Amino acid sequence: MTTARQFPIFAVVFAIVYAGVYLIAVERNYALFTYHPAIEEFGFLVEPPREGPAMYWYGWIATAAIVALVAGLIACVVPEQMAKRLWSGWSWAIPVAAMFAFGYLLRGFFMR
């Protein structure tokens, strides 16, 4: 397979996996690192707040990006016949479903 044929496969798989893993990372708090803005320090994995609040958002993004990158690269080496079966619509359907799931997860903030 050439690079021109591999990129759409990579992009579709990356979009699908990123949205799903990001949702799981937020729900289960699987952050690759924690940022403490008050003391301007990073900590490895999830750490409790030190002086002020801890920010896990950057760690969730990094976790989802690394997992999606690996999944996209693996998808690029699968046989072309298998790759053709992947519907490109999943690249928007799964992120939209993830947005609805986030709305459900955060409903307490909207229903106050």
Protein backbone atom coordinates (compact mmCIF):
# COMPACT_ATOMS: atom_id res chain seq x y z
CA MET A 1 0.00 0.00 0.00
CA THR A 2 1.29 3.48 -0.79
CA THR A 3 1.37 6.43 1.56
CA ALA A 4 -1.46 8.09 -0.36
CA ARG A 5 -3.69 5.09 0.38
CA GLN A 6 -2.57 4.71 3.97
CA PHE A 7 -3.38 8.23 5.16
CA PRO A 8 -7.20 7.93 4.88
CA ILE A 9 -7.07 4.67 6.79
CA PHE A 10 -4.85 6.24 9.45
CA ALA A 11 -7.10 9.31 9.71
CA VAL A 12 -10.32 7.32 10.09
CA VAL A 13 -8.87 4.96 12.70
CA PHE A 14 -7.20 7.83 14.57
CA ALA A 15 -10.49 9.79 14.75
CA ILE A 16 -12.46 6.78 15.93
CA VAL A 17 -9.96 5.63 18.54
CA TYR A 18 -9.12 9.13 19.80
CA ALA A 19 -12.75 9.97 20.55
CA GLY A 20 -13.37 6.66 22.31
CA VAL A 21 -10.16 6.65 24.33
CA TYR A 22 -10.57 10.31 25.31
CA LEU A 23 -14.04 9.54 26.66
CA ILE A 24 -12.71 6.59 28.66
CA ALA A 25 -9.70 8.60 29.89
CA VAL A 26 -11.93 11.38 31.19
CA GLU A 27 -14.45 9.03 32.78
CA ARG A 28 -11.83 6.83 34.47
CA ASN A 29 -9.20 9.60 34.93
CA TYR A 30 -6.44 7.91 32.93
CA ALA A 31 -4.17 10.93 32.61
CA LEU A 32 -0.63 10.42 31.36
CA PHE A 33 0.47 13.36 33.49
CA THR A 34 -0.95 16.01 35.82
CA TYR A 35 -0.27 19.74 35.63
CA HIS A 36 -0.24 21.83 38.80
CA PRO A 37 -0.70 25.43 37.57
CA ALA A 38 -0.20 27.11 40.95
CA ILE A 39 3.35 25.79 41.25
CA GLU A 40 3.88 25.33 37.48
CA GLU A 41 4.92 21.68 37.74
CA PHE A 42 4.04 18.50 35.89
CA GLY A 43 3.63 15.16 37.62
CA PHE A 44 3.68 11.68 36.10
CA LEU A 45 0.26 9.97 35.86
CA VAL A 46 -2.59 11.09 38.13
CA GLU A 47 -1.50 13.02 41.22
CA PRO A 48 -3.64 14.65 43.89
CA PRO A 49 -3.77 18.45 43.94
CA ARG A 50 -0.84 20.10 45.68
CA GLU A 51 -1.13 23.87 46.11
CA GLY A 52 -4.32 24.64 44.27
CA PRO A 53 -6.21 22.61 41.70
CA ALA A 54 -4.63 19.95 39.53
CA MET A 55 -5.28 19.88 35.78
CA TYR A 56 -5.72 16.45 34.23
CA TRP A 57 -7.00 17.65 30.83
CA TYR A 58 -3.57 17.76 29.19
CA GLY A 59 -2.86 14.24 30.39
CA TRP A 60 -6.16 12.97 28.99
CA ILE A 61 -5.34 14.49 25.61
CA ALA A 62 -1.87 12.93 25.61
CA THR A 63 -3.24 9.53 26.62
CA ALA A 64 -5.84 9.54 23.86
CA ALA A 65 -3.38 10.85 21.25
CA ILE A 66 -0.77 8.18 21.95
CA VAL A 67 -3.27 5.32 21.90
CA ALA A 68 -4.91 6.66 18.72
CA LEU A 69 -1.52 7.12 17.05
CA VAL A 70 -0.55 3.52 17.78
CA ALA A 71 -3.94 2.23 16.57
CA GLY A 72 -3.68 4.31 13.39
CA LEU A 73 -0.20 3.02 12.64
CA ILE A 74 -1.32 -0.56 13.22
CA ALA A 75 -4.26 0.00 10.88
CA CYS A 76 -1.86 1.15 8.16
CA VAL A 77 -0.18 -2.25 8.05
CA VAL A 78 -3.31 -4.41 7.87
CA PRO A 79 -4.08 -5.95 4.47
CA GLU A 80 -5.82 -3.66 2.01
CA GLN A 81 -8.88 -5.92 1.80
CA MET A 82 -9.51 -5.49 5.51
CA ALA A 83 -8.92 -1.75 5.34
CA LYS A 84 -11.52 -1.35 2.58
CA ARG A 85 -14.17 -2.71 4.94
CA LEU A 86 -13.71 0.27 7.29
CA TRP A 87 -16.56 2.71 6.75
CA SER A 88 -15.26 6.30 6.72
CA GLY A 89 -18.49 7.47 8.36
CA TRP A 90 -17.25 6.08 11.66
CA SER A 91 -14.78 9.00 11.74
CA TRP A 92 -17.68 11.36 12.45
CA ALA A 93 -20.27 9.03 13.96
CA ILE A 94 -18.11 7.93 16.91
CA PRO A 95 -16.99 11.49 17.87
CA VAL A 96 -20.62 12.68 17.71
CA ALA A 97 -21.64 9.78 19.94
CA ALA A 98 -18.77 10.70 22.29
CA MET A 99 -20.10 14.27 22.49
CA PHE A 100 -23.51 12.96 23.55
CA ALA A 101 -21.80 10.73 26.10
CA PHE A 102 -19.94 13.76 27.47
CA GLY A 103 -23.24 15.60 27.73
CA TYR A 104 -24.53 12.71 29.80
CA LEU A 105 -21.40 12.57 31.96
CA LEU A 106 -21.53 16.30 32.63
CA ARG A 107 -25.29 16.56 33.08
CA GLY A 108 -24.81 17.57 36.72
CA PHE A 109 -23.13 20.78 35.62
CA PHE A 110 -26.03 21.61 33.27
CA MET A 111 -28.85 20.70 35.63
CA ARG A 112 -27.94 22.87 38.62
